N, C-alpha and C. Protein backbone atom coordinates (compact mmCIF):
# COMPACT_ATOMS: atom_id res chain seq x y z
N MET A 1 0.85 -1.17 0.00
CA MET A 1 0.00 0.00 0.00
C MET A 1 0.89 1.24 0.00
N SER A 2 0.58 2.19 -0.86
CA SER A 2 1.38 3.41 -0.96
C SER A 2 1.10 4.33 0.23
N ASN A 3 1.98 5.29 0.41
CA ASN A 3 1.79 6.28 1.47
C ASN A 3 0.49 7.05 1.27
N LYS A 4 0.18 7.36 0.01
CA LYS A 4 -1.05 8.08 -0.28
C LYS A 4 -2.27 7.25 0.12
N GLU A 5 -2.25 5.98 -0.17
CA GLU A 5 -3.37 5.10 0.20
C GLU A 5 -3.48 4.98 1.72
N LYS A 6 -2.35 4.89 2.40
CA LYS A 6 -2.36 4.83 3.87
C LYS A 6 -2.94 6.11 4.45
N THR A 7 -2.59 7.24 3.85
CA THR A 7 -3.09 8.53 4.31
C THR A 7 -4.60 8.61 4.12
N ILE A 8 -5.07 8.20 2.95
CA ILE A 8 -6.51 8.22 2.67
C ILE A 8 -7.24 7.29 3.64
N ASP A 9 -6.68 6.13 3.92
CA ASP A 9 -7.30 5.20 4.88
C ASP A 9 -7.39 5.82 6.27
N ALA A 10 -6.34 6.50 6.69
CA ALA A 10 -6.34 7.16 8.01
C ALA A 10 -7.39 8.25 8.05
N LEU A 11 -7.45 9.07 7.01
CA LEU A 11 -8.46 10.12 6.95
C LEU A 11 -9.86 9.53 6.97
N GLN A 12 -10.07 8.46 6.22
CA GLN A 12 -11.39 7.82 6.17
C GLN A 12 -11.79 7.26 7.54
N PHE A 13 -10.83 6.70 8.24
CA PHE A 13 -11.10 6.18 9.58
C PHE A 13 -11.68 7.29 10.45
N PHE A 14 -11.07 8.47 10.41
CA PHE A 14 -11.54 9.58 11.23
C PHE A 14 -12.84 10.17 10.71
N VAL A 15 -13.08 10.15 9.41
CA VAL A 15 -14.38 10.58 8.88
C VAL A 15 -15.48 9.71 9.47
N THR A 16 -15.28 8.42 9.48
CA THR A 16 -16.29 7.50 9.99
C THR A 16 -16.50 7.68 11.49
N GLU A 17 -15.42 7.69 12.24
CA GLU A 17 -15.52 7.79 13.70
C GLU A 17 -16.07 9.14 14.15
N LEU A 18 -15.61 10.21 13.53
CA LEU A 18 -16.08 11.54 13.93
C LEU A 18 -17.53 11.77 13.55
N SER A 19 -17.97 11.17 12.46
CA SER A 19 -19.39 11.27 12.09
C SER A 19 -20.25 10.68 13.20
N SER A 20 -19.82 9.56 13.72
CA SER A 20 -20.53 8.90 14.81
C SER A 20 -20.49 9.74 16.08
N GLN A 21 -19.32 10.27 16.39
CA GLN A 21 -19.18 11.10 17.59
C GLN A 21 -20.02 12.37 17.49
N ALA A 22 -20.07 12.97 16.31
CA ALA A 22 -20.87 14.18 16.13
C ALA A 22 -22.34 13.89 16.41
N LEU A 23 -22.84 12.78 15.91
CA LEU A 23 -24.24 12.41 16.17
C LEU A 23 -24.45 12.14 17.65
N SER A 24 -23.51 11.49 18.29
CA SER A 24 -23.61 11.23 19.72
C SER A 24 -23.66 12.53 20.51
N HIS A 25 -22.82 13.50 20.15
CA HIS A 25 -22.83 14.79 20.83
C HIS A 25 -24.17 15.51 20.61
N GLU A 26 -24.70 15.42 19.41
CA GLU A 26 -25.99 16.06 19.15
C GLU A 26 -27.10 15.41 19.98
N ILE A 27 -27.14 14.10 19.99
CA ILE A 27 -28.16 13.39 20.77
C ILE A 27 -28.07 13.79 22.24
N HIS A 28 -26.87 13.76 22.78
CA HIS A 28 -26.71 14.09 24.20
C HIS A 28 -26.99 15.57 24.48
N GLY A 29 -26.63 16.43 23.58
CA GLY A 29 -26.96 17.84 23.74
C GLY A 29 -28.47 18.04 23.82
N ARG A 30 -29.18 17.34 22.98
CA ARG A 30 -30.65 17.46 22.99
C ARG A 30 -31.24 16.83 24.26
N ILE A 31 -30.67 15.71 24.70
CA ILE A 31 -31.13 15.10 25.95
C ILE A 31 -30.91 16.06 27.11
N PHE A 32 -29.71 16.65 27.20
CA PHE A 32 -29.41 17.55 28.31
C PHE A 32 -30.31 18.79 28.28
N ASN A 33 -30.58 19.30 27.08
CA ASN A 33 -31.52 20.42 26.96
C ASN A 33 -32.90 20.03 27.45
N SER A 34 -33.35 18.83 27.09
CA SER A 34 -34.69 18.39 27.51
C SER A 34 -34.77 18.18 29.01
N GLN A 35 -33.63 17.95 29.65
CA GLN A 35 -33.58 17.79 31.10
C GLN A 35 -33.47 19.14 31.81
N GLY A 36 -33.36 20.21 31.04
CA GLY A 36 -33.25 21.55 31.62
C GLY A 36 -31.83 22.05 31.80
N PHE A 37 -30.83 21.26 31.38
CA PHE A 37 -29.43 21.65 31.54
C PHE A 37 -28.95 22.28 30.23
N THR A 38 -29.45 23.49 29.99
CA THR A 38 -29.28 24.12 28.68
C THR A 38 -27.84 24.54 28.38
N LYS A 39 -27.08 24.92 29.40
CA LYS A 39 -25.68 25.28 29.14
C LYS A 39 -24.89 24.08 28.64
N LEU A 40 -25.06 22.97 29.33
CA LEU A 40 -24.35 21.75 28.92
C LEU A 40 -24.90 21.24 27.59
N GLY A 41 -26.21 21.32 27.44
CA GLY A 41 -26.83 20.90 26.18
C GLY A 41 -26.27 21.68 25.00
N GLN A 42 -26.19 22.99 25.15
CA GLN A 42 -25.67 23.82 24.06
C GLN A 42 -24.20 23.54 23.79
N LYS A 43 -23.44 23.29 24.84
CA LYS A 43 -22.01 22.95 24.68
C LYS A 43 -21.87 21.73 23.77
N TYR A 44 -22.70 20.71 24.01
CA TYR A 44 -22.60 19.49 23.20
C TYR A 44 -23.19 19.67 21.81
N LEU A 45 -24.21 20.50 21.65
CA LEU A 45 -24.72 20.79 20.31
C LEU A 45 -23.66 21.53 19.49
N ASP A 46 -22.98 22.48 20.13
CA ASP A 46 -21.89 23.19 19.45
C ASP A 46 -20.74 22.24 19.12
N HIS A 47 -20.48 21.34 20.03
CA HIS A 47 -19.40 20.38 19.79
C HIS A 47 -19.73 19.46 18.61
N ALA A 48 -21.00 19.12 18.46
CA ALA A 48 -21.42 18.31 17.31
C ALA A 48 -21.12 19.04 16.00
N VAL A 49 -21.42 20.32 15.96
CA VAL A 49 -21.14 21.13 14.77
C VAL A 49 -19.63 21.15 14.50
N GLU A 50 -18.85 21.33 15.54
CA GLU A 50 -17.39 21.35 15.40
C GLU A 50 -16.86 20.02 14.85
N GLU A 51 -17.39 18.91 15.36
CA GLU A 51 -16.95 17.60 14.88
C GLU A 51 -17.30 17.43 13.40
N ARG A 52 -18.48 17.90 13.01
CA ARG A 52 -18.88 17.79 11.60
C ARG A 52 -17.96 18.64 10.71
N GLU A 53 -17.50 19.77 11.23
CA GLU A 53 -16.55 20.59 10.47
C GLU A 53 -15.24 19.83 10.25
N TRP A 54 -14.79 19.08 11.26
CA TRP A 54 -13.59 18.26 11.08
C TRP A 54 -13.85 17.16 10.05
N VAL A 55 -15.02 16.55 10.09
CA VAL A 55 -15.37 15.53 9.09
C VAL A 55 -15.24 16.14 7.70
N SER A 56 -15.77 17.33 7.52
CA SER A 56 -15.70 17.99 6.22
C SER A 56 -14.26 18.25 5.79
N LYS A 57 -13.42 18.69 6.72
CA LYS A 57 -12.01 18.93 6.40
C LYS A 57 -11.32 17.63 5.98
N PHE A 58 -11.61 16.55 6.68
CA PHE A 58 -10.98 15.27 6.34
C PHE A 58 -11.50 14.74 5.00
N ILE A 59 -12.79 14.93 4.73
CA ILE A 59 -13.33 14.53 3.42
C ILE A 59 -12.67 15.34 2.31
N ASP A 60 -12.56 16.65 2.52
CA ASP A 60 -11.92 17.50 1.51
C ASP A 60 -10.48 17.06 1.26
N ARG A 61 -9.78 16.66 2.31
CA ARG A 61 -8.39 16.22 2.13
C ARG A 61 -8.34 14.90 1.35
N ILE A 62 -9.28 14.00 1.62
CA ILE A 62 -9.36 12.76 0.84
C ILE A 62 -9.53 13.10 -0.64
N LEU A 63 -10.43 14.03 -0.93
CA LEU A 63 -10.67 14.44 -2.32
C LEU A 63 -9.44 15.11 -2.92
N ASP A 64 -8.72 15.93 -2.13
CA ASP A 64 -7.48 16.56 -2.61
C ASP A 64 -6.46 15.51 -3.04
N LEU A 65 -6.50 14.36 -2.36
CA LEU A 65 -5.55 13.28 -2.65
C LEU A 65 -6.08 12.33 -3.72
N ASP A 66 -7.15 12.76 -4.41
CA ASP A 66 -7.80 11.97 -5.46
C ASP A 66 -8.40 10.67 -4.94
N GLY A 67 -8.77 10.67 -3.67
CA GLY A 67 -9.45 9.52 -3.09
C GLY A 67 -10.96 9.71 -3.19
N CYS A 68 -11.68 8.68 -2.84
CA CYS A 68 -13.14 8.73 -2.84
C CYS A 68 -13.62 8.44 -1.42
N PRO A 69 -14.19 9.44 -0.75
CA PRO A 69 -14.67 9.20 0.62
C PRO A 69 -15.77 8.14 0.62
N LYS A 70 -15.82 7.41 1.70
CA LYS A 70 -16.84 6.37 1.85
C LYS A 70 -17.83 6.81 2.92
N HIS A 71 -19.06 6.37 2.76
CA HIS A 71 -20.07 6.59 3.79
C HIS A 71 -20.20 5.28 4.54
N GLU A 72 -19.39 5.16 5.58
CA GLU A 72 -19.35 3.93 6.37
C GLU A 72 -20.20 4.09 7.61
N VAL A 73 -20.76 2.98 8.03
CA VAL A 73 -21.55 2.97 9.26
C VAL A 73 -20.65 2.51 10.39
N PRO A 74 -20.43 3.40 11.36
CA PRO A 74 -19.57 3.02 12.48
C PRO A 74 -20.34 2.15 13.48
N HIS A 75 -19.67 1.77 14.51
CA HIS A 75 -20.29 0.96 15.55
C HIS A 75 -21.34 1.77 16.32
N THR A 76 -22.21 1.08 16.99
CA THR A 76 -23.26 1.71 17.79
C THR A 76 -22.66 2.27 19.07
N LEU A 77 -23.09 3.46 19.43
CA LEU A 77 -22.63 4.09 20.67
C LEU A 77 -23.79 4.14 21.67
N PRO A 78 -23.49 3.99 22.94
CA PRO A 78 -24.56 4.06 23.95
C PRO A 78 -25.07 5.50 24.12
N VAL A 79 -26.30 5.60 24.59
CA VAL A 79 -26.90 6.90 24.89
C VAL A 79 -27.12 6.95 26.40
N TYR A 80 -26.75 8.07 27.00
CA TYR A 80 -26.83 8.24 28.45
C TYR A 80 -27.81 9.34 28.82
N GLY A 81 -28.62 9.08 29.83
CA GLY A 81 -29.45 10.11 30.42
C GLY A 81 -28.76 10.72 31.62
N ASP A 82 -27.80 10.00 32.17
CA ASP A 82 -27.05 10.44 33.34
C ASP A 82 -25.83 11.24 32.88
N ILE A 83 -25.83 12.51 33.23
CA ILE A 83 -24.78 13.41 32.76
C ILE A 83 -23.40 13.01 33.26
N HIS A 84 -23.30 12.63 34.51
CA HIS A 84 -21.99 12.26 35.06
C HIS A 84 -21.42 11.05 34.32
N GLU A 85 -22.26 10.06 34.08
CA GLU A 85 -21.79 8.86 33.35
C GLU A 85 -21.37 9.23 31.93
N TYR A 86 -22.14 10.11 31.31
CA TYR A 86 -21.78 10.52 29.95
C TYR A 86 -20.45 11.26 29.93
N LEU A 87 -20.25 12.17 30.87
CA LEU A 87 -18.98 12.91 30.91
C LEU A 87 -17.80 11.96 31.10
N LYS A 88 -17.95 10.96 31.97
CA LYS A 88 -16.87 9.99 32.17
C LYS A 88 -16.60 9.22 30.87
N THR A 89 -17.67 8.81 30.21
CA THR A 89 -17.52 8.07 28.95
C THR A 89 -16.90 8.95 27.87
N ASP A 90 -17.38 10.19 27.77
CA ASP A 90 -16.86 11.11 26.76
C ASP A 90 -15.38 11.39 26.99
N ASN A 91 -14.97 11.49 28.24
CA ASN A 91 -13.56 11.71 28.56
C ASN A 91 -12.72 10.50 28.12
N LYS A 92 -13.22 9.30 28.35
CA LYS A 92 -12.52 8.08 27.94
C LYS A 92 -12.42 8.00 26.42
N VAL A 93 -13.50 8.38 25.73
CA VAL A 93 -13.48 8.39 24.27
C VAL A 93 -12.41 9.35 23.77
N SER A 94 -12.30 10.51 24.41
CA SER A 94 -11.26 11.47 24.01
C SER A 94 -9.86 10.91 24.25
N GLU A 95 -9.65 10.29 25.40
CA GLU A 95 -8.34 9.69 25.69
C GLU A 95 -7.98 8.64 24.64
N ASP A 96 -8.92 7.75 24.37
CA ASP A 96 -8.69 6.69 23.38
C ASP A 96 -8.51 7.27 21.98
N GLY A 97 -9.29 8.31 21.67
CA GLY A 97 -9.19 8.94 20.36
C GLY A 97 -7.84 9.60 20.14
N LEU A 98 -7.30 10.23 21.18
CA LEU A 98 -5.98 10.85 21.05
C LEU A 98 -4.90 9.80 20.83
N LYS A 99 -5.04 8.66 21.49
CA LYS A 99 -4.07 7.58 21.28
C LYS A 99 -4.16 7.06 19.84
N LEU A 100 -5.39 6.90 19.34
CA LEU A 100 -5.57 6.46 17.95
C LEU A 100 -5.00 7.48 16.98
N LEU A 101 -5.30 8.73 17.23
CA LEU A 101 -4.79 9.78 16.35
C LEU A 101 -3.27 9.79 16.36
N ASP A 102 -2.70 9.65 17.55
CA ASP A 102 -1.25 9.60 17.68
C ASP A 102 -0.66 8.45 16.86
N SER A 103 -1.36 7.33 16.83
CA SER A 103 -0.86 6.17 16.07
C SER A 103 -0.97 6.38 14.56
N HIS A 104 -1.84 7.31 14.13
CA HIS A 104 -2.00 7.59 12.70
C HIS A 104 -1.10 8.72 12.21
N ILE A 105 -0.51 9.45 13.14
CA ILE A 105 0.39 10.53 12.75
C ILE A 105 1.78 9.95 12.55
N ASP A 106 2.06 9.63 11.33
CA ASP A 106 3.33 9.01 10.97
C ASP A 106 4.07 9.95 10.02
N CYS A 107 5.10 10.57 10.52
CA CYS A 107 5.85 11.55 9.73
C CYS A 107 6.41 10.97 8.44
N GLU A 108 6.68 9.68 8.43
CA GLU A 108 7.25 9.06 7.24
C GLU A 108 6.20 8.75 6.19
N THR A 109 4.93 8.65 6.60
CA THR A 109 3.85 8.28 5.68
C THR A 109 3.07 9.49 5.20
N LEU A 110 2.78 10.42 6.10
CA LEU A 110 1.89 11.53 5.79
C LEU A 110 2.60 12.63 5.02
N ASP A 111 1.85 13.24 4.11
CA ASP A 111 2.34 14.45 3.46
C ASP A 111 2.19 15.60 4.46
N TYR A 112 2.86 16.71 4.19
CA TYR A 112 2.87 17.82 5.14
C TYR A 112 1.48 18.38 5.43
N LYS A 113 0.66 18.51 4.40
CA LYS A 113 -0.66 19.10 4.59
C LYS A 113 -1.54 18.22 5.48
N THR A 114 -1.51 16.92 5.27
CA THR A 114 -2.30 16.01 6.10
C THR A 114 -1.73 15.97 7.51
N PHE A 115 -0.41 15.96 7.63
CA PHE A 115 0.22 15.99 8.94
C PHE A 115 -0.25 17.22 9.73
N ASP A 116 -0.24 18.39 9.08
CA ASP A 116 -0.67 19.62 9.74
C ASP A 116 -2.15 19.55 10.13
N LEU A 117 -2.97 18.96 9.28
CA LEU A 117 -4.40 18.82 9.56
C LEU A 117 -4.61 17.93 10.79
N PHE A 118 -3.92 16.79 10.83
CA PHE A 118 -4.02 15.90 11.98
C PHE A 118 -3.49 16.58 13.25
N LYS A 119 -2.42 17.33 13.10
CA LYS A 119 -1.85 18.03 14.26
C LYS A 119 -2.84 19.06 14.80
N GLU A 120 -3.47 19.81 13.92
CA GLU A 120 -4.47 20.80 14.31
C GLU A 120 -5.66 20.11 15.01
N TYR A 121 -6.08 19.00 14.46
CA TYR A 121 -7.19 18.26 15.08
C TYR A 121 -6.78 17.72 16.45
N TYR A 122 -5.56 17.23 16.57
CA TYR A 122 -5.05 16.70 17.85
C TYR A 122 -5.12 17.79 18.93
N ILE A 123 -4.67 18.98 18.59
CA ILE A 123 -4.68 20.09 19.55
C ILE A 123 -6.11 20.41 19.97
N ASP A 124 -7.02 20.42 19.01
CA ASP A 124 -8.43 20.67 19.32
C ASP A 124 -8.99 19.60 20.25
N GLU A 125 -8.66 18.36 19.99
CA GLU A 125 -9.15 17.26 20.83
C GLU A 125 -8.55 17.32 22.24
N GLU A 126 -7.30 17.73 22.35
CA GLU A 126 -6.70 17.91 23.68
C GLU A 126 -7.48 18.96 24.47
N ASP A 127 -7.85 20.04 23.81
CA ASP A 127 -8.64 21.09 24.47
C ASP A 127 -10.00 20.56 24.92
N ASP A 128 -10.64 19.77 24.06
CA ASP A 128 -11.93 19.17 24.41
C ASP A 128 -11.80 18.25 25.61
N MET A 129 -10.76 17.44 25.62
CA MET A 129 -10.55 16.52 26.72
C MET A 129 -10.26 17.28 28.02
N ALA A 130 -9.51 18.37 27.93
CA ALA A 130 -9.22 19.17 29.11
C ALA A 130 -10.51 19.76 29.69
N TRP A 131 -11.43 20.20 28.81
CA TRP A 131 -12.71 20.74 29.27
C TRP A 131 -13.51 19.66 29.99
N THR A 132 -13.59 18.48 29.39
CA THR A 132 -14.35 17.39 30.00
C THR A 132 -13.73 16.99 31.33
N SER A 133 -12.42 16.90 31.38
CA SER A 133 -11.73 16.58 32.64
C SER A 133 -12.04 17.62 33.71
N GLN A 134 -12.09 18.87 33.31
CA GLN A 134 -12.41 19.95 34.25
C GLN A 134 -13.84 19.78 34.79
N GLN A 135 -14.78 19.38 33.93
CA GLN A 135 -16.16 19.17 34.38
C GLN A 135 -16.21 18.04 35.40
N LEU A 136 -15.46 16.99 35.15
CA LEU A 136 -15.42 15.86 36.09
C LEU A 136 -14.80 16.29 37.43
N GLU A 137 -13.80 17.14 37.38
CA GLU A 137 -13.19 17.65 38.61
C GLU A 137 -14.18 18.52 39.38
N LEU A 138 -14.97 19.32 38.67
CA LEU A 138 -15.99 20.14 39.33
C LEU A 138 -17.03 19.26 40.03
N ILE A 139 -17.43 18.20 39.37
CA ILE A 139 -18.39 17.27 39.98
C ILE A 139 -17.79 16.64 41.22
N GLU A 140 -16.55 16.24 41.13
CA GLU A 140 -15.86 15.62 42.27
C GLU A 140 -15.75 16.61 43.44
N ARG A 141 -15.42 17.83 43.12
CA ARG A 141 -15.20 18.84 44.16
C ARG A 141 -16.52 19.33 44.79
N PHE A 142 -17.53 19.59 43.96
CA PHE A 142 -18.74 20.24 44.46
C PHE A 142 -19.97 19.33 44.51
N GLY A 143 -19.84 18.12 43.96
CA GLY A 143 -20.99 17.21 43.94
C GLY A 143 -21.81 17.41 42.67
N ILE A 144 -22.47 16.35 42.27
CA ILE A 144 -23.23 16.37 41.02
C ILE A 144 -24.37 17.37 41.07
N ASN A 145 -25.08 17.47 42.19
CA ASN A 145 -26.22 18.38 42.25
C ASN A 145 -25.80 19.83 42.11
N ASN A 146 -24.73 20.23 42.77
CA ASN A 146 -24.24 21.60 42.64
C ASN A 146 -23.73 21.86 41.22
N TYR A 147 -23.08 20.88 40.64
CA TYR A 147 -22.60 21.02 39.25
C TYR A 147 -23.79 21.24 38.32
N LEU A 148 -24.81 20.42 38.48
CA LEU A 148 -25.97 20.51 37.58
C LEU A 148 -26.72 21.83 37.73
N LEU A 149 -26.73 22.40 38.92
CA LEU A 149 -27.35 23.71 39.10
C LEU A 149 -26.69 24.76 38.20
N GLY A 150 -25.39 24.64 38.04
CA GLY A 150 -24.66 25.57 37.19
C GLY A 150 -24.87 25.33 35.70
N GLN A 151 -25.47 24.21 35.35
CA GLN A 151 -25.67 23.88 33.93
C GLN A 151 -27.07 24.24 33.44
N MET A 152 -27.87 24.83 34.32
CA MET A 152 -29.24 25.18 33.94
C MET A 152 -29.27 26.50 33.18
């Protein structure tokens, strides 16, 4: 497999996974809004839009490389009504996602433009994970009920 094919495969992997994550963020944002936690709900609705923007960037890069993006169906993700459980799960997904992204960033395989795109996405995901970790720390420090009061 050529470097270009490996790059397209890596980009496609993230198109598929991020599409799923974006839908999960939208679903949870709507659930949190319906529960009255509008600040948290809006945060996740905005995050869904951001994830879809990354999907678009990765699709565009596949096309730049003369590849053909695929519409793949990713694995099923659980839906949570419990905000604390969702935040813990979302944090774990971010940790695992950064490890996967790190494994796909291969300086010997990637062209400079794709490398920079993955690097930019990595930094964005680190920021997202830091935010989620901070929310979990707030819950730990102040309790779930006090945390949720601030999310209304």
